[in-house]
């Protein structure tokens, strides 16, 4: 079986596992081949089997020639490995869990730092209507919500206008430059 198929099947199995344990699947949408859909394979695999399959797939991913693809897939699979271990009951301290899943190390902030940032946010929101920051943000989101009609209008007007501007710039600058380069080569 090809790496891609193994990858999709394993993601589906892990999604089914996370849904069984937490009520939520790591797969929020699936658009692949029906035969590889997480819905098809409802068979529950033990965490040990999932971890073995992850190790095998991580090994295969490390052999991928394309560096970006290799890094993306291995880091994704290694993060999933931590998720499976954690959801199967392994005690993983919070800092290590965040580091191994997301690749960042959370740090502690002093109360003074929180207060400073809180004042910055409050000052930035001062002109907005509402009694506190949460209400101000909620009201701002409601007032600035982009509806389907507004988005359609923007696409049909502003996007078209910007595309035309880019076309003109291309014709004036880049196309002229290319013509000049072609003329000087001949």
N, C-alpha and C. Protein backbone atom coordinates (compact mmCIF):
# COMPACT_ATOMS: atom_id res chain seq x y z
N UNK A 1 0.85 -1.18 0.00
CA UNK A 1 0.00 0.00 0.00
C UNK A 1 0.90 1.25 0.00
N UNK A 2 0.49 2.28 -0.68
CA UNK A 2 1.27 3.51 -0.79
C UNK A 2 1.26 4.26 0.54
N UNK A 3 2.32 5.04 0.75
CA UNK A 3 2.45 5.82 1.97
C UNK A 3 1.20 6.67 2.22
N UNK A 4 0.70 7.32 1.17
CA UNK A 4 -0.44 8.22 1.31
C UNK A 4 -1.68 7.48 1.83
N UNK A 5 -1.90 6.27 1.32
CA UNK A 5 -3.04 5.48 1.78
C UNK A 5 -2.85 5.05 3.23
N UNK A 6 -1.65 4.61 3.57
CA UNK A 6 -1.37 4.24 4.96
C UNK A 6 -1.60 5.44 5.89
N UNK A 7 -1.16 6.60 5.43
CA UNK A 7 -1.30 7.83 6.22
C UNK A 7 -2.77 8.15 6.45
N UNK A 8 -3.58 8.13 5.39
CA UNK A 8 -5.00 8.43 5.53
C UNK A 8 -5.72 7.42 6.42
N UNK A 9 -5.41 6.14 6.24
CA UNK A 9 -6.05 5.12 7.07
C UNK A 9 -5.70 5.30 8.54
N UNK A 10 -4.42 5.57 8.80
CA UNK A 10 -3.99 5.73 10.18
C UNK A 10 -4.61 6.97 10.81
N UNK A 11 -4.67 8.07 10.05
CA UNK A 11 -5.33 9.28 10.58
C UNK A 11 -6.78 8.99 10.93
N UNK A 12 -7.46 8.25 10.06
CA UNK A 12 -8.84 7.89 10.33
C UNK A 12 -8.98 7.05 11.58
N UNK A 13 -8.08 6.09 11.75
CA UNK A 13 -8.12 5.24 12.95
C UNK A 13 -7.84 6.04 14.21
N UNK A 14 -6.89 6.97 14.11
CA UNK A 14 -6.58 7.82 15.27
C UNK A 14 -7.75 8.75 15.54
N UNK A 15 -8.37 9.25 14.46
CA UNK A 15 -9.57 10.09 14.64
C UNK A 15 -10.68 9.33 15.34
N UNK A 16 -10.88 8.08 14.96
CA UNK A 16 -11.90 7.26 15.62
C UNK A 16 -11.53 7.02 17.08
N UNK A 17 -10.24 6.81 17.34
CA UNK A 17 -9.76 6.60 18.71
C UNK A 17 -10.00 7.86 19.55
N UNK A 18 -9.62 9.04 19.02
CA UNK A 18 -9.80 10.26 19.80
C UNK A 18 -11.28 10.55 20.04
N UNK A 19 -12.12 10.21 19.06
CA UNK A 19 -13.56 10.41 19.24
C UNK A 19 -14.10 9.49 20.33
N UNK A 20 -13.63 8.26 20.33
CA UNK A 20 -14.09 7.31 21.35
C UNK A 20 -13.67 7.77 22.75
N UNK A 21 -12.45 8.28 22.87
CA UNK A 21 -11.92 8.66 24.18
C UNK A 21 -12.46 10.01 24.65
N UNK A 22 -12.55 10.98 23.73
CA UNK A 22 -12.89 12.35 24.14
C UNK A 22 -14.25 12.82 23.66
N UNK A 23 -14.82 12.11 22.68
CA UNK A 23 -16.07 12.56 22.08
C UNK A 23 -15.83 13.44 20.85
N UNK A 24 -14.55 13.75 20.57
CA UNK A 24 -14.21 14.61 19.44
C UNK A 24 -13.10 13.94 18.63
N UNK A 25 -13.29 13.90 17.32
CA UNK A 25 -12.28 13.32 16.44
C UNK A 25 -11.27 14.39 16.03
N UNK A 26 -10.02 13.98 15.83
CA UNK A 26 -9.04 14.92 15.30
C UNK A 26 -9.32 15.23 13.83
N UNK A 27 -10.16 14.42 13.20
CA UNK A 27 -10.55 14.64 11.81
C UNK A 27 -11.83 15.47 11.81
N UNK A 28 -11.71 16.75 11.43
CA UNK A 28 -12.92 17.58 11.41
C UNK A 28 -13.60 17.58 10.05
N UNK A 29 -12.88 17.16 9.03
CA UNK A 29 -13.47 17.03 7.69
C UNK A 29 -12.60 16.07 6.89
N UNK A 30 -13.23 15.27 6.07
CA UNK A 30 -12.50 14.32 5.23
C UNK A 30 -13.00 14.45 3.80
N UNK A 31 -12.07 14.64 2.86
CA UNK A 31 -12.44 14.80 1.46
C UNK A 31 -11.71 13.82 0.55
N UNK A 32 -11.15 12.77 1.12
CA UNK A 32 -10.38 11.81 0.34
C UNK A 32 -11.25 10.73 -0.26
N UNK A 33 -10.58 9.68 -0.76
CA UNK A 33 -11.32 8.56 -1.36
C UNK A 33 -12.24 7.90 -0.33
N UNK A 34 -13.42 7.54 -0.76
CA UNK A 34 -14.41 6.93 0.14
C UNK A 34 -13.87 5.67 0.79
N UNK A 35 -13.09 4.88 0.03
CA UNK A 35 -12.59 3.61 0.58
C UNK A 35 -11.62 3.83 1.75
N UNK A 36 -11.08 5.06 1.91
CA UNK A 36 -10.16 5.35 3.01
C UNK A 36 -10.80 6.21 4.09
N UNK A 37 -12.07 6.47 3.97
CA UNK A 37 -12.78 7.34 4.91
C UNK A 37 -12.75 6.77 6.33
N UNK A 38 -12.57 7.63 7.32
CA UNK A 38 -12.61 7.18 8.72
C UNK A 38 -13.94 6.54 9.08
N UNK A 39 -15.01 6.90 8.39
CA UNK A 39 -16.33 6.34 8.66
C UNK A 39 -16.41 4.86 8.28
N UNK A 40 -15.61 4.45 7.31
CA UNK A 40 -15.67 3.07 6.83
C UNK A 40 -15.05 2.12 7.85
N UNK A 41 -13.91 2.50 8.36
CA UNK A 41 -13.19 1.63 9.30
C UNK A 41 -13.50 2.04 10.73
N UNK A 42 -14.47 1.39 11.33
CA UNK A 42 -14.85 1.69 12.70
C UNK A 42 -14.16 0.75 13.70
N UNK A 43 -13.37 -0.18 13.17
CA UNK A 43 -12.68 -1.14 14.03
C UNK A 43 -11.77 -0.39 15.00
N UNK A 44 -11.88 -0.71 16.27
CA UNK A 44 -11.06 -0.04 17.28
C UNK A 44 -9.72 -0.73 17.38
N UNK A 45 -8.67 0.08 17.24
CA UNK A 45 -7.32 -0.44 17.42
C UNK A 45 -6.83 -0.04 18.81
N UNK A 46 -6.07 -0.89 19.41
CA UNK A 46 -5.52 -0.56 20.72
C UNK A 46 -4.51 0.56 20.57
N UNK A 47 -4.30 1.35 21.62
CA UNK A 47 -3.28 2.39 21.57
C UNK A 47 -1.91 1.83 21.19
N UNK A 48 -1.58 0.63 21.68
CA UNK A 48 -0.28 0.02 21.34
C UNK A 48 -0.16 -0.22 19.84
N UNK A 49 -1.24 -0.70 19.21
CA UNK A 49 -1.23 -0.95 17.77
C UNK A 49 -1.14 0.39 17.02
N UNK A 50 -1.86 1.40 17.47
CA UNK A 50 -1.78 2.72 16.83
C UNK A 50 -0.35 3.26 16.92
N UNK A 51 0.28 3.09 18.09
CA UNK A 51 1.65 3.59 18.27
C UNK A 51 2.63 2.82 17.37
N UNK A 52 2.42 1.50 17.25
CA UNK A 52 3.28 0.71 16.35
C UNK A 52 3.12 1.19 14.91
N UNK A 53 1.88 1.40 14.49
CA UNK A 53 1.62 1.87 13.13
C UNK A 53 2.21 3.27 12.92
N UNK A 54 2.11 4.11 13.94
CA UNK A 54 2.70 5.45 13.85
C UNK A 54 4.22 5.36 13.68
N UNK A 55 4.86 4.50 14.48
CA UNK A 55 6.31 4.34 14.37
C UNK A 55 6.72 3.88 12.97
N UNK A 56 5.96 2.93 12.43
CA UNK A 56 6.25 2.44 11.08
C UNK A 56 6.11 3.56 10.06
N UNK A 57 5.03 4.33 10.17
CA UNK A 57 4.79 5.41 9.22
C UNK A 57 5.80 6.55 9.39
N UNK A 58 6.21 6.82 10.62
CA UNK A 58 7.24 7.84 10.85
C UNK A 58 8.53 7.41 10.16
N UNK A 59 8.86 6.14 10.26
CA UNK A 59 10.05 5.62 9.58
C UNK A 59 9.97 5.82 8.08
N UNK A 60 8.80 5.54 7.50
CA UNK A 60 8.61 5.74 6.07
C UNK A 60 8.67 7.22 5.70
N UNK A 61 8.08 8.06 6.55
CA UNK A 61 8.07 9.51 6.28
C UNK A 61 9.49 10.08 6.28
N UNK A 62 10.34 9.54 7.13
CA UNK A 62 11.73 10.02 7.20
C UNK A 62 12.52 9.71 5.94
N UNK A 63 11.99 8.84 5.09
CA UNK A 63 12.66 8.49 3.84
C UNK A 63 12.21 9.34 2.66
N UNK A 64 11.25 10.24 2.87
CA UNK A 64 10.74 11.09 1.79
C UNK A 64 11.83 12.07 1.37
N UNK A 65 12.04 12.19 0.08
CA UNK A 65 13.10 13.05 -0.46
C UNK A 65 12.81 14.54 -0.29
N UNK A 66 11.58 14.94 -0.53
CA UNK A 66 11.20 16.35 -0.44
C UNK A 66 11.27 16.80 1.02
N UNK A 67 12.21 17.70 1.31
CA UNK A 67 12.48 18.08 2.70
C UNK A 67 11.26 18.66 3.41
N UNK A 68 10.54 19.59 2.76
CA UNK A 68 9.37 20.20 3.40
C UNK A 68 8.28 19.18 3.67
N UNK A 69 8.05 18.32 2.70
CA UNK A 69 7.04 17.27 2.88
C UNK A 69 7.46 16.33 4.01
N UNK A 70 8.74 15.95 4.01
CA UNK A 70 9.25 15.05 5.05
C UNK A 70 9.08 15.68 6.44
N UNK A 71 9.47 16.95 6.58
CA UNK A 71 9.36 17.63 7.88
C UNK A 71 7.91 17.77 8.32
N UNK A 72 7.05 18.15 7.39
CA UNK A 72 5.63 18.32 7.73
C UNK A 72 5.01 17.00 8.19
N UNK A 73 5.25 15.95 7.44
CA UNK A 73 4.64 14.66 7.76
C UNK A 73 5.22 14.05 9.03
N UNK A 74 6.54 14.11 9.19
CA UNK A 74 7.12 13.51 10.40
C UNK A 74 6.69 14.27 11.64
N UNK A 75 6.66 15.61 11.57
CA UNK A 75 6.23 16.36 12.76
C UNK A 75 4.76 16.11 13.07
N UNK A 76 3.93 15.99 12.03
CA UNK A 76 2.52 15.68 12.21
C UNK A 76 2.35 14.32 12.87
N UNK A 77 3.04 13.33 12.36
CA UNK A 77 2.92 11.97 12.90
C UNK A 77 3.48 11.88 14.32
N UNK A 78 4.58 12.57 14.59
CA UNK A 78 5.15 12.55 15.94
C UNK A 78 4.21 13.25 16.93
N UNK A 79 3.54 14.31 16.49
CA UNK A 79 2.54 14.96 17.35
C UNK A 79 1.39 14.01 17.65
N UNK A 80 0.94 13.29 16.62
CA UNK A 80 -0.15 12.32 16.82
C UNK A 80 0.28 11.21 17.77
N UNK A 81 1.52 10.85 17.71
CA UNK A 81 2.05 9.81 18.61
C UNK A 81 1.89 10.26 20.07
N UNK A 82 2.20 11.51 20.32
CA UNK A 82 2.06 12.05 21.69
C UNK A 82 0.59 12.08 22.09
N UNK A 83 -0.28 12.47 21.17
CA UNK A 83 -1.72 12.52 21.46
C UNK A 83 -2.22 11.13 21.84
N UNK A 84 -1.84 10.12 21.08
CA UNK A 84 -2.29 8.75 21.37
C UNK A 84 -1.77 8.30 22.73
N UNK A 85 -0.50 8.58 23.02
CA UNK A 85 0.06 8.19 24.33
C UNK A 85 -0.69 8.88 25.46
N UNK A 86 -0.94 10.18 25.28
CA UNK A 86 -1.61 10.96 26.32
C UNK A 86 -3.05 10.48 26.53
N UNK A 87 -3.78 10.28 25.43
CA UNK A 87 -5.18 9.85 25.56
C UNK A 87 -5.31 8.40 26.02
N UNK A 88 -4.24 7.63 25.89
CA UNK A 88 -4.30 6.25 26.37
C UNK A 88 -3.89 6.16 27.84
N UNK A 89 -3.65 7.31 28.47
CA UNK A 89 -3.42 7.31 29.90
C UNK A 89 -2.01 7.63 30.36
N UNK A 90 -1.08 7.83 29.43
CA UNK A 90 0.27 8.17 29.87
C UNK A 90 0.27 9.56 30.51
N UNK A 91 0.91 9.66 31.64
CA UNK A 91 0.98 10.94 32.35
C UNK A 91 2.08 11.80 31.71
N UNK A 92 1.66 12.81 30.97
CA UNK A 92 2.61 13.70 30.30
C UNK A 92 2.41 15.09 30.87
N UNK A 93 3.44 15.66 31.49
CA UNK A 93 3.31 17.01 32.03
C UNK A 93 2.90 18.01 30.95
N UNK A 94 2.14 19.02 31.34
CA UNK A 94 1.58 19.98 30.41
C UNK A 94 2.63 20.62 29.49
N UNK A 95 3.73 21.09 30.06
CA UNK A 95 4.76 21.75 29.25
C UNK A 95 5.31 20.82 28.18
N UNK A 96 5.54 19.56 28.55
CA UNK A 96 6.06 18.59 27.58
C UNK A 96 5.00 18.26 26.52
N UNK A 97 3.76 18.16 26.95
CA UNK A 97 2.66 17.87 26.04
C UNK A 97 2.56 18.96 24.97
N UNK A 98 2.57 20.21 25.39
CA UNK A 98 2.49 21.33 24.45
C UNK A 98 3.72 21.34 23.54
N UNK A 99 4.89 21.13 24.09
CA UNK A 99 6.12 21.13 23.32
C UNK A 99 6.10 20.03 22.26
N UNK A 100 5.68 18.83 22.64
CA UNK A 100 5.72 17.71 21.70
C UNK A 100 4.58 17.72 20.68
N UNK A 101 3.47 18.33 21.01
CA UNK A 101 2.36 18.40 20.05
C UNK A 101 2.53 19.59 19.11
N UNK A 102 2.84 20.75 19.68
CA UNK A 102 2.85 21.99 18.88
C UNK A 102 4.24 22.52 18.56
N UNK A 103 5.26 21.96 19.20
CA UNK A 103 6.62 22.42 18.93
C UNK A 103 6.96 23.76 19.57
N UNK A 104 6.20 24.13 20.59
CA UNK A 104 6.49 25.37 21.32
C UNK A 104 6.57 25.06 22.81
N UNK A 105 7.37 25.81 23.50
CA UNK A 105 7.48 25.62 24.94
C UNK A 105 6.72 26.75 25.63
N UNK A 106 5.66 26.39 26.35
CA UNK A 106 4.93 27.45 27.06
C UNK A 106 5.80 28.01 28.18
N UNK A 107 5.65 29.27 28.43
CA UNK A 107 6.42 29.86 29.52
C UNK A 107 5.48 30.57 30.47
N UNK A 108 5.94 30.71 31.68
CA UNK A 108 5.15 31.39 32.70
C UNK A 108 5.34 32.89 32.56
N UNK A 109 4.28 33.62 32.83
CA UNK A 109 4.33 35.07 32.81
C UNK A 109 4.07 35.58 34.22
N UNK A 110 4.78 36.60 34.57
CA UNK A 110 4.55 37.25 35.87
C UNK A 110 3.27 38.06 35.80
N UNK A 111 2.66 38.27 36.95
CA UNK A 111 1.42 39.05 37.01
C UNK A 111 1.64 40.44 36.43
N UNK A 112 2.81 41.01 36.63
CA UNK A 112 3.13 42.34 36.12
C UNK A 112 3.02 42.37 34.58
N UNK A 113 3.46 41.26 33.93
CA UNK A 113 3.38 41.19 32.47
C UNK A 113 1.92 41.10 32.01
N UNK A 114 1.11 40.31 32.71
CA UNK A 114 -0.31 40.24 32.39
C UNK A 114 -0.98 41.60 32.53
N UNK A 115 -0.68 42.27 33.63
CA UNK A 115 -1.28 43.59 33.87
C UNK A 115 -0.90 44.58 32.78
N UNK A 116 0.37 44.57 32.36
CA UNK A 116 0.84 45.49 31.32
C UNK A 116 0.09 45.24 30.02
N UNK A 117 -0.03 43.98 29.62
CA UNK A 117 -0.71 43.65 28.37
C UNK A 117 -2.20 43.93 28.49
N UNK A 118 -2.76 43.67 29.65
CA UNK A 118 -4.18 43.95 29.86
C UNK A 118 -4.46 45.44 29.67
N UNK A 119 -3.59 46.29 30.18
CA UNK A 119 -3.77 47.74 30.01
C UNK A 119 -3.65 48.15 28.54
N UNK A 120 -2.74 47.52 27.81
CA UNK A 120 -2.59 47.82 26.38
C UNK A 120 -3.88 47.48 25.64
N UNK A 121 -4.45 46.29 25.94
CA UNK A 121 -5.68 45.87 25.30
C UNK A 121 -6.83 46.80 25.68
N UNK A 122 -6.94 47.13 26.96
CA UNK A 122 -8.00 48.03 27.42
C UNK A 122 -7.88 49.40 26.76
N UNK A 123 -6.66 49.93 26.65
CA UNK A 123 -6.46 51.22 25.99
C UNK A 123 -6.85 51.16 24.52
N UNK A 124 -6.49 50.06 23.85
CA UNK A 124 -6.82 49.91 22.43
C UNK A 124 -8.32 49.81 22.21
N UNK A 125 -9.04 49.28 23.20
CA UNK A 125 -10.49 49.10 23.08
C UNK A 125 -11.29 50.27 23.66
N UNK A 126 -10.61 51.27 24.19
CA UNK A 126 -11.29 52.36 24.90
C UNK A 126 -12.35 53.05 24.04
N UNK A 127 -12.11 53.20 22.75
CA UNK A 127 -13.06 53.92 21.91
C UNK A 127 -14.26 53.08 21.49
N UNK A 128 -14.20 51.79 21.74
CA UNK A 128 -15.30 50.90 21.36
C UNK A 128 -16.41 50.95 22.40
N UNK A 129 -17.67 50.79 21.94
CA UNK A 129 -18.78 50.78 22.91
C UNK A 129 -18.80 49.48 23.71
N UNK A 130 -19.21 49.58 24.95
CA UNK A 130 -19.31 48.42 25.81
C UNK A 130 -18.68 48.68 27.16
N UNK A 131 -19.01 47.81 28.12
CA UNK A 131 -18.55 48.06 29.49
C UNK A 131 -17.20 47.42 29.79
N UNK A 132 -16.90 46.30 29.16
CA UNK A 132 -15.60 45.67 29.39
C UNK A 132 -15.06 45.16 28.05
N UNK A 133 -13.83 44.67 28.06
CA UNK A 133 -13.17 44.26 26.82
C UNK A 133 -13.96 43.17 26.11
N UNK A 134 -14.45 42.20 26.85
CA UNK A 134 -15.19 41.10 26.22
C UNK A 134 -16.42 41.61 25.49
N UNK A 135 -17.17 42.50 26.12
CA UNK A 135 -18.36 43.06 25.49
C UNK A 135 -17.98 43.93 24.29
N UNK A 136 -16.90 44.69 24.42
CA UNK A 136 -16.44 45.55 23.31
C UNK A 136 -16.05 44.70 22.11
N UNK A 137 -15.33 43.62 22.35
CA UNK A 137 -14.92 42.73 21.26
C UNK A 137 -16.15 42.08 20.62
N UNK A 138 -17.08 41.60 21.45
CA UNK A 138 -18.30 40.97 20.94
C UNK A 138 -19.09 41.95 20.07
N UNK A 139 -19.26 43.18 20.54
CA UNK A 139 -19.99 44.18 19.76
C UNK A 139 -19.26 44.51 18.46
N UNK A 140 -17.93 44.63 18.54
CA UNK A 140 -17.15 44.92 17.33
C UNK A 140 -17.31 43.81 16.31
N UNK A 141 -17.24 42.54 16.78
CA UNK A 141 -17.41 41.40 15.87
C UNK A 141 -18.79 41.42 15.22
N UNK A 142 -19.83 41.73 16.00
CA UNK A 142 -21.19 41.78 15.46
C UNK A 142 -21.31 42.87 14.40
N UNK A 143 -20.75 44.05 14.69
CA UNK A 143 -20.85 45.18 13.76
C UNK A 143 -20.01 44.97 12.51
N UNK A 144 -18.94 44.20 12.60
CA UNK A 144 -18.03 44.04 11.48
C UNK A 144 -18.12 42.65 10.84
N UNK A 145 -19.17 41.93 11.15
CA UNK A 145 -19.34 40.61 10.57
C UNK A 145 -19.52 40.73 9.06
N UNK A 146 -18.84 39.86 8.36
CA UNK A 146 -18.96 39.85 6.90
C UNK A 146 -19.96 38.77 6.54
N UNK A 147 -21.07 39.19 5.98
CA UNK A 147 -22.11 38.24 5.59
C UNK A 147 -21.80 37.69 4.21
N UNK A 148 -22.53 36.68 3.82
CA UNK A 148 -22.34 36.10 2.50
C UNK A 148 -22.54 37.12 1.39
N UNK A 149 -23.56 37.97 1.54
CA UNK A 149 -23.83 38.98 0.52
C UNK A 149 -22.71 40.02 0.47
N UNK A 150 -22.22 40.43 1.63
CA UNK A 150 -21.13 41.41 1.66
C UNK A 150 -19.86 40.81 1.05
N UNK A 151 -19.60 39.57 1.35
CA UNK A 151 -18.43 38.90 0.78
C UNK A 151 -18.56 38.77 -0.73
N UNK A 152 -19.74 38.39 -1.18
CA UNK A 152 -19.98 38.28 -2.61
C UNK A 152 -19.78 39.63 -3.30
N UNK A 153 -20.29 40.69 -2.68
CA UNK A 153 -20.14 42.03 -3.25
C UNK A 153 -18.66 42.41 -3.32
N UNK A 154 -17.92 42.09 -2.25
CA UNK A 154 -16.50 42.42 -2.23
C UNK A 154 -15.76 41.66 -3.33
N UNK A 155 -16.08 40.40 -3.51
CA UNK A 155 -15.43 39.60 -4.54
C UNK A 155 -15.77 40.15 -5.92
N UNK A 156 -17.03 40.50 -6.11
CA UNK A 156 -17.46 40.97 -7.43
C UNK A 156 -17.02 42.40 -7.74
N UNK A 157 -16.69 43.18 -6.74
CA UNK A 157 -16.28 44.56 -7.01
C UNK A 157 -14.81 44.78 -6.69
N UNK A 158 -14.48 44.78 -5.42
CA UNK A 158 -13.12 45.11 -5.02
C UNK A 158 -12.09 44.12 -5.56
N UNK A 159 -12.39 42.85 -5.52
CA UNK A 159 -11.43 41.86 -6.01
C UNK A 159 -11.21 42.01 -7.52
N UNK A 160 -12.29 42.28 -8.24
CA UNK A 160 -12.17 42.48 -9.68
C UNK A 160 -11.34 43.73 -9.95
N UNK A 161 -11.61 44.80 -9.19
CA UNK A 161 -10.85 46.04 -9.37
C UNK A 161 -9.37 45.82 -9.07
N UNK A 162 -9.06 45.13 -8.00
CA UNK A 162 -7.66 44.88 -7.63
C UNK A 162 -6.99 44.00 -8.68
N UNK A 163 -7.71 43.04 -9.21
CA UNK A 163 -7.15 42.18 -10.26
C UNK A 163 -6.83 43.01 -11.49
N UNK A 164 -7.71 43.93 -11.83
CA UNK A 164 -7.45 44.81 -12.98
C UNK A 164 -6.23 45.69 -12.73
N UNK A 165 -6.10 46.21 -11.50
CA UNK A 165 -4.93 47.03 -11.16
C UNK A 165 -3.64 46.22 -11.30
N UNK A 166 -3.66 44.98 -10.85
CA UNK A 166 -2.48 44.13 -10.97
C UNK A 166 -2.17 43.86 -12.43
N UNK A 167 -3.20 43.64 -13.23
CA UNK A 167 -3.00 43.41 -14.66
C UNK A 167 -2.32 44.62 -15.30
N UNK A 168 -2.80 45.81 -14.97
CA UNK A 168 -2.22 47.03 -15.53
C UNK A 168 -0.77 47.17 -15.09
N UNK A 169 -0.50 46.93 -13.82
CA UNK A 169 0.88 47.00 -13.32
C UNK A 169 1.77 46.00 -14.05
N UNK A 170 1.26 44.81 -14.24
CA UNK A 170 2.02 43.79 -14.94
C UNK A 170 2.34 44.26 -16.35
N UNK A 171 1.31 44.74 -17.03
CA UNK A 171 1.52 45.18 -18.41
C UNK A 171 2.52 46.34 -18.48
N UNK A 172 2.39 47.27 -17.56
CA UNK A 172 3.25 48.46 -17.60
C UNK A 172 4.69 48.14 -17.21
N UNK A 173 4.85 47.37 -16.17
CA UNK A 173 6.18 47.18 -15.62
C UNK A 173 6.84 45.89 -16.09
N UNK A 174 6.23 44.79 -15.79
CA UNK A 174 6.87 43.51 -16.04
C UNK A 174 6.87 43.17 -17.52
N UNK A 175 5.71 43.31 -18.17
CA UNK A 175 5.64 42.98 -19.58
C UNK A 175 6.57 43.88 -20.39
N UNK A 176 6.58 45.17 -20.07
CA UNK A 176 7.49 46.11 -20.74
C UNK A 176 8.93 45.70 -20.51
N UNK A 177 9.26 45.32 -19.30
CA UNK A 177 10.62 44.88 -18.99
C UNK A 177 10.98 43.64 -19.79
N UNK A 178 10.06 42.68 -19.86
CA UNK A 178 10.33 41.46 -20.62
C UNK A 178 10.52 41.76 -22.10
N UNK A 179 9.69 42.67 -22.63
CA UNK A 179 9.86 43.05 -24.03
C UNK A 179 11.21 43.70 -24.25
N UNK A 180 11.61 44.57 -23.31
CA UNK A 180 12.90 45.25 -23.41
C UNK A 180 14.04 44.23 -23.37
N UNK A 181 13.93 43.26 -22.45
CA UNK A 181 14.95 42.21 -22.34
C UNK A 181 15.03 41.40 -23.63
N UNK A 182 13.87 41.05 -24.18
CA UNK A 182 13.85 40.27 -25.42
C UNK A 182 14.48 41.05 -26.56
N UNK A 183 14.17 42.35 -26.63
CA UNK A 183 14.71 43.19 -27.69
C UNK A 183 16.22 43.33 -27.58
N UNK A 184 16.75 43.42 -26.37
CA UNK A 184 18.20 43.57 -26.20
C UNK A 184 18.95 42.28 -26.45
N UNK A 185 18.27 41.15 -26.27
CA UNK A 185 18.92 39.85 -26.52
C UNK A 185 19.06 39.61 -28.01
N UNK A 186 18.04 39.99 -28.76
CA UNK A 186 18.04 39.77 -30.21
C UNK A 186 19.02 40.70 -30.81
